[in-house]
Amino acid sequence: KISGYAWEVGRANALGAGIFISVHHNAGTGRHAVWAFVHDGGRDEAGSRLLAGILAEEVALATDLENRGVYPDSSTGRNDYRCPATGRLAFYSLDENVNKAPYRALLEIGDMGRDGDFLRDKRNRKAIGKAIKRGIARFLSRIGSTAYDAGPEADRARPPR
C-alpha cells in the first residue's frame, strides 16, 4: 500500500545500506541508452556522482547501450517532489533526507518504446546485473573500502560486446 519508491528506500534504510542503486526503464527518449542520476546538492554528491558514472560506464561496456552520462535529479524537470533542504525538484529515492545510504544513484536503462525486447532478454538483464556488480567493486576500490566482496566476476574480463 506504499509506492515502490517508498518501499525500496524503507528497505534500504532498514538494512543500513551503504550504497543505494535504483534501476528503472526510461520512457519517452527513443534512445537505446543508460543515464545515471544523483541527488542535486545532496550530502556526498561527489561520491554518488563517481558511483553513478562508473555504473553507467560498466552497463554501457557490457551491452550495446549508449552511455548518456550522469545528471542531477533536478535536471529532468518532471519530478513532483522537492528536496526539503534545497527546495529543488528531486527524485524522492535519492534525497538524503529520505534515503540514509551515503552513496545513492538511479539508473535509467533503455527506452520503453523501443527496448522492451532488449530488457526482456535474460542475457541482457544478466549482463546489466554483472556490470552493476563490477561497478560497485570499482567504486569501492576507488574510495578505499573493503566492505564489499565483489566475488570472482569482478576480476573477469568484460564480456564481448
C-alpha atoms as a PDB file:
ATOM      1  CA  LYS A   1       0.000   0.000   0.000  1.00  0.00           C
ATOM      2  CA  ILE A   2       3.022   2.283  -0.409  1.00  0.00           C
ATOM      3  CA  SER A   3       4.820   3.346  -3.570  1.00  0.00           C
ATOM      4  CA  GLY A   4       7.676   1.278  -4.934  1.00  0.00           C
ATOM      5  CA  TYR A   5       9.999   4.193  -4.210  1.00  0.00           C
ATOM      6  CA  ALA A   6       8.965   4.355  -0.565  1.00  0.00           C
ATOM      7  CA  TRP A   7       9.297   0.574  -0.236  1.00  0.00           C
ATOM      8  CA  GLU A   8      12.796   0.412  -1.729  1.00  0.00           C
ATOM      9  CA  VAL A   9      14.041   3.335   0.362  1.00  0.00           C
ATOM     10  CA  GLY A  10      12.461   1.938   3.527  1.00  0.00           C
ATOM     11  CA  ARG A  11      14.088  -1.425   2.902  1.00  0.00           C
ATOM     12  CA  ALA A  12      17.499   0.152   2.210  1.00  0.00           C
ATOM     13  CA  ASN A  13      17.254   2.259   5.376  1.00  0.00           C
ATOM     14  CA  ALA A  14      16.216  -0.780   7.443  1.00  0.00           C
ATOM     15  CA  LEU A  15      19.232  -2.709   6.139  1.00  0.00           C
ATOM     16  CA  GLY A  16      21.597   0.217   6.773  1.00  0.00           C
ATOM     17  CA  ALA A  17      22.653   0.227   3.117  1.00  0.00           C
ATOM     18  CA  GLY A  18      25.919   1.976   2.357  1.00  0.00           C
ATOM     19  CA  ILE A  19      25.142   2.077  -1.363  1.00  0.00           C
ATOM     20  CA  PHE A  20      21.711   2.515  -2.917  1.00  0.00           C
ATOM     21  CA  ILE A  21      21.165   1.833  -6.621  1.00  0.00           C
ATOM     22  CA  SER A  22      17.728   2.137  -8.178  1.00  0.00           C
ATOM     23  CA  VAL A  23      17.258   0.726 -11.689  1.00  0.00           C
ATOM     24  CA  HIS A  24      14.452   1.987 -13.916  1.00  0.00           C
ATOM     25  CA  HIS A  25      13.280   1.610 -17.509  1.00  0.00           C
ATOM     26  CA  ASN A  26      13.263   5.038 -19.145  1.00  0.00           C
ATOM     27  CA  ALA A  27      10.357   6.427 -21.133  1.00  0.00           C
ATOM     28  CA  GLY A  28       9.926   8.880 -23.943  1.00  0.00           C
ATOM     29  CA  THR A  29      13.533   9.290 -25.002  1.00  0.00           C
ATOM     30  CA  GLY A  30      13.632   6.991 -28.020  1.00  0.00           C
ATOM     31  CA  ARG A  31      17.275   6.252 -27.142  1.00  0.00           C
ATOM     32  CA  HIS A  32      18.900   2.894 -26.562  1.00  0.00           C
ATOM     33  CA  ALA A  33      20.979   4.242 -23.708  1.00  0.00           C
ATOM     34  CA  VAL A  34      21.757   4.360 -19.999  1.00  0.00           C
ATOM     35  CA  TRP A  35      21.506   7.539 -17.915  1.00  0.00           C
ATOM     36  CA  ALA A  36      22.594   7.950 -14.311  1.00  0.00           C
ATOM     37  CA  PHE A  37      21.139  10.414 -11.806  1.00  0.00           C
ATOM     38  CA  VAL A  38      22.335  11.694  -8.429  1.00  0.00           C
ATOM     39  CA  HIS A  39      20.740  13.983  -5.878  1.00  0.00           C
ATOM     40  CA  ASP A  40      21.462  17.613  -6.723  1.00  0.00           C
ATOM     41  CA  GLY A  41      23.141  19.303  -3.777  1.00  0.00           C
ATOM     42  CA  GLY A  42      22.973  16.221  -1.610  1.00  0.00           C
ATOM     43  CA  ARG A  43      25.409  15.099   1.029  1.00  0.00           C
ATOM     44  CA  ASP A  44      28.164  13.019  -0.603  1.00  0.00           C
ATOM     45  CA  GLU A  45      27.074  14.221  -4.054  1.00  0.00           C
ATOM     46  CA  ALA A  46      30.638  13.872  -5.359  1.00  0.00           C
ATOM     47  CA  GLY A  47      30.850  10.251  -4.198  1.00  0.00           C
ATOM     48  CA  SER A  48      27.414   9.472  -5.610  1.00  0.00           C
ATOM     49  CA  ARG A  49      28.419  11.102  -8.898  1.00  0.00           C
ATOM     50  CA  LEU A  50      31.528   8.892  -9.026  1.00  0.00           C
ATOM     51  CA  LEU A  51      29.403   5.792  -8.330  1.00  0.00           C
ATOM     52  CA  ALA A  52      26.807   6.767 -10.951  1.00  0.00           C
ATOM     53  CA  GLY A  53      29.440   7.443 -13.608  1.00  0.00           C
ATOM     54  CA  ILE A  54      31.151   4.113 -13.025  1.00  0.00           C
ATOM     55  CA  LEU A  55      27.828   2.247 -13.118  1.00  0.00           C
ATOM     56  CA  ALA A  56      26.727   3.902 -16.379  1.00  0.00           C
ATOM     57  CA  GLU A  57      30.119   3.148 -17.916  1.00  0.00           C
ATOM     58  CA  GLU A  58      30.036  -0.501 -16.857  1.00  0.00           C
ATOM     59  CA  VAL A  59      26.482  -1.020 -18.142  1.00  0.00           C
ATOM     60  CA  ALA A  60      27.371   0.594 -21.482  1.00  0.00           C
ATOM     61  CA  LEU A  61      30.523  -1.524 -21.800  1.00  0.00           C
ATOM     62  CA  ALA A  62      28.613  -4.736 -21.040  1.00  0.00           C
ATOM     63  CA  THR A  63      25.822  -4.016 -23.541  1.00  0.00           C
ATOM     64  CA  ASP A  64      25.256  -2.006 -26.685  1.00  0.00           C
ATOM     65  CA  LEU A  65      23.573   0.789 -24.691  1.00  0.00           C
ATOM     66  CA  GLU A  66      24.911   4.304 -25.224  1.00  0.00           C
ATOM     67  CA  ASN A  67      26.352   5.929 -22.084  1.00  0.00           C
ATOM     68  CA  ARG A  68      24.476   9.248 -21.776  1.00  0.00           C
ATOM     69  CA  GLY A  69      26.305  10.289 -18.604  1.00  0.00           C
ATOM     70  CA  VAL A  70      25.416  11.496 -15.120  1.00  0.00           C
ATOM     71  CA  TYR A  71      22.838  14.171 -14.341  1.00  0.00           C
ATOM     72  CA  PRO A  72      21.479  15.870 -11.222  1.00  0.00           C
ATOM     73  CA  ASP A  73      17.982  14.689 -10.335  1.00  0.00           C
ATOM     74  CA  SER A  74      16.734  18.273 -10.581  1.00  0.00           C
ATOM     75  CA  SER A  75      17.597  18.380 -14.301  1.00  0.00           C
ATOM     76  CA  THR A  76      14.660  16.321 -15.562  1.00  0.00           C
ATOM     77  CA  GLY A  77      12.020  18.960 -14.801  1.00  0.00           C
ATOM     78  CA  ARG A  78       9.376  16.237 -14.460  1.00  0.00           C
ATOM     79  CA  ASN A  79       9.553  15.488 -10.753  1.00  0.00           C
ATOM     80  CA  ASP A  80       6.787  16.401  -8.342  1.00  0.00           C
ATOM     81  CA  TYR A  81       8.923  16.007  -5.220  1.00  0.00           C
ATOM     82  CA  ARG A  82      11.067  18.796  -3.769  1.00  0.00           C
ATOM     83  CA  CYS A  83      14.047  18.291  -1.521  1.00  0.00           C
ATOM     84  CA  PRO A  84      13.215  19.942   1.819  1.00  0.00           C
ATOM     85  CA  ALA A  85      16.831  21.080   2.253  1.00  0.00           C
ATOM     86  CA  THR A  86      17.476  22.612  -1.193  1.00  0.00           C
ATOM     87  CA  GLY A  87      13.938  23.290  -2.422  1.00  0.00           C
ATOM     88  CA  ARG A  88      14.925  21.845  -5.810  1.00  0.00           C
ATOM     89  CA  LEU A  89      12.947  19.264  -7.726  1.00  0.00           C
ATOM     90  CA  ALA A  90      14.403  15.871  -6.856  1.00  0.00           C
ATOM     91  CA  PHE A  91      13.952  12.119  -7.016  1.00  0.00           C
ATOM     92  CA  TYR A  92      12.398  11.051  -3.714  1.00  0.00           C
ATOM     93  CA  SER A  93      14.514   7.896  -3.558  1.00  0.00           C
ATOM     94  CA  LEU A  94      17.797   9.829  -3.926  1.00  0.00           C
ATOM     95  CA  ASP A  95      17.135  12.570  -1.370  1.00  0.00           C
ATOM     96  CA  GLU A  96      19.421  12.155   1.669  1.00  0.00           C
ATOM     97  CA  ASN A  97      16.598  13.463   3.851  1.00  0.00           C
ATOM     98  CA  VAL A  98      14.683  10.290   2.936  1.00  0.00           C
ATOM     99  CA  ASN A  99      17.364   7.778   1.918  1.00  0.00           C
ATOM    100  CA  LYS A 100      20.108   7.356   4.523  1.00  0.00           C
ATOM    101  CA  ALA A 101      22.613   5.494   2.294  1.00  0.00           C
ATOM    102  CA  PRO A 102      25.728   7.646   1.904  1.00  0.00           C
ATOM    103  CA  TYR A 103      26.017   6.858  -1.826  1.00  0.00           C
ATOM    104  CA  ARG A 104      22.889   6.907  -3.994  1.00  0.00           C
ATOM    105  CA  ALA A 105      22.388   6.539  -7.752  1.00  0.00           C
ATOM    106  CA  LEU A 106      19.462   5.961 -10.080  1.00  0.00           C
ATOM    107  CA  LEU A 107      19.990   4.306 -13.466  1.00  0.00           C
ATOM    108  CA  GLU A 108      17.530   4.773 -16.311  1.00  0.00           C
ATOM    109  CA  ILE A 109      18.088   1.941 -18.778  1.00  0.00           C
ATOM    110  CA  GLY A 110      16.705   1.759 -22.290  1.00  0.00           C
ATOM    111  CA  ASP A 111      13.510   3.275 -23.642  1.00  0.00           C
ATOM    112  CA  MET A 112      10.094   1.712 -23.040  1.00  0.00           C
ATOM    113  CA  GLY A 113       9.047   2.336 -26.631  1.00  0.00           C
ATOM    114  CA  ARG A 114      11.982   0.627 -28.281  1.00  0.00           C
ATOM    115  CA  ASP A 115      13.799  -1.517 -25.722  1.00  0.00           C
ATOM    116  CA  GLY A 116      11.181  -3.864 -24.334  1.00  0.00           C
ATOM    117  CA  ASP A 117      12.660  -6.884 -26.112  1.00  0.00           C
ATOM    118  CA  PHE A 118      16.168  -5.868 -25.045  1.00  0.00           C
ATOM    119  CA  LEU A 119      15.181  -5.824 -21.371  1.00  0.00           C
ATOM    120  CA  ARG A 120      13.084  -8.974 -21.578  1.00  0.00           C
ATOM    121  CA  ASP A 121      16.150 -10.851 -22.854  1.00  0.00           C
ATOM    122  CA  LYS A 122      17.629 -12.737 -19.904  1.00  0.00           C
ATOM    123  CA  ARG A 123      21.182 -12.376 -21.278  1.00  0.00           C
ATOM    124  CA  ASN A 124      20.896  -8.587 -21.324  1.00  0.00           C
ATOM    125  CA  ARG A 125      19.474  -8.450 -17.784  1.00  0.00           C
ATOM    126  CA  LYS A 126      22.259 -10.737 -16.570  1.00  0.00           C
ATOM    127  CA  ALA A 127      24.899  -8.596 -18.319  1.00  0.00           C
ATOM    128  CA  ILE A 128      23.446  -5.454 -16.709  1.00  0.00           C
ATOM    129  CA  GLY A 129      23.433  -7.099 -13.274  1.00  0.00           C
ATOM    130  CA  LYS A 130      27.044  -8.225 -13.611  1.00  0.00           C
ATOM    131  CA  ALA A 131      28.014  -4.773 -14.863  1.00  0.00           C
ATOM    132  CA  ILE A 132      26.436  -3.180 -11.792  1.00  0.00           C
ATOM    133  CA  LYS A 133      28.315  -5.635  -9.573  1.00  0.00           C
ATOM    134  CA  ARG A 134      31.614  -4.761 -11.305  1.00  0.00           C
ATOM    135  CA  GLY A 135      30.762  -1.075 -10.969  1.00  0.00           C
ATOM    136  CA  ILE A 136      30.214  -1.409  -7.229  1.00  0.00           C
ATOM    137  CA  ALA A 137      33.552  -3.197  -6.855  1.00  0.00           C
ATOM    138  CA  ARG A 138      35.321  -0.475  -8.894  1.00  0.00           C
ATOM    139  CA  PHE A 139      33.647   2.252  -6.881  1.00  0.00           C
ATOM    140  CA  LEU A 140      34.594   0.703  -3.550  1.00  0.00           C
ATOM    141  CA  SER A 141      38.183   0.218  -4.686  1.00  0.00           C
ATOM    142  CA  ARG A 142      38.302   3.913  -5.667  1.00  0.00           C
ATOM    143  CA  ILE A 143      37.024   5.115  -2.295  1.00  0.00           C
ATOM    144  CA  GLY A 144      39.218   2.653  -0.414  1.00  0.00           C
ATOM    145  CA  SER A 145      36.505   0.420   1.050  1.00  0.00           C
ATOM    146  CA  THR A 146      36.894  -3.289   1.649  1.00  0.00           C
ATOM    147  CA  ALA A 147      33.368  -3.694   2.971  1.00  0.00           C
ATOM    148  CA  TYR A 148      32.132  -5.367  -0.190  1.00  0.00           C
ATOM    149  CA  ASP A 149      33.288  -8.672  -1.669  1.00  0.00           C
ATOM    150  CA  ALA A 150      32.563  -8.468  -5.381  1.00  0.00           C
ATOM    151  CA  GLY A 151      33.420 -12.118  -5.918  1.00  0.00           C
ATOM    152  CA  PRO A 152      35.234 -13.640  -8.877  1.00  0.00           C
ATOM    153  CA  GLU A 153      33.059 -11.947 -11.510  1.00  0.00           C
ATOM    154  CA  ALA A 154      34.646  -8.583 -10.718  1.00  0.00           C
ATOM    155  CA  ASP A 155      38.038  -9.921 -11.755  1.00  0.00           C
ATOM    156  CA  ARG A 156      36.940 -11.400 -15.072  1.00  0.00           C
ATOM    157  CA  ALA A 157      37.400  -9.577 -18.347  1.00  0.00           C
ATOM    158  CA  ARG A 158      34.398  -7.671 -19.601  1.00  0.00           C
ATOM    159  CA  PRO A 159      32.062  -9.739 -21.792  1.00  0.00           C
ATOM    160  CA  PRO A 160      32.337  -9.201 -25.555  1.00  0.00           C
ATOM    161  CA  ARG A 161      30.034  -6.551 -26.989  1.00  0.00           C
END
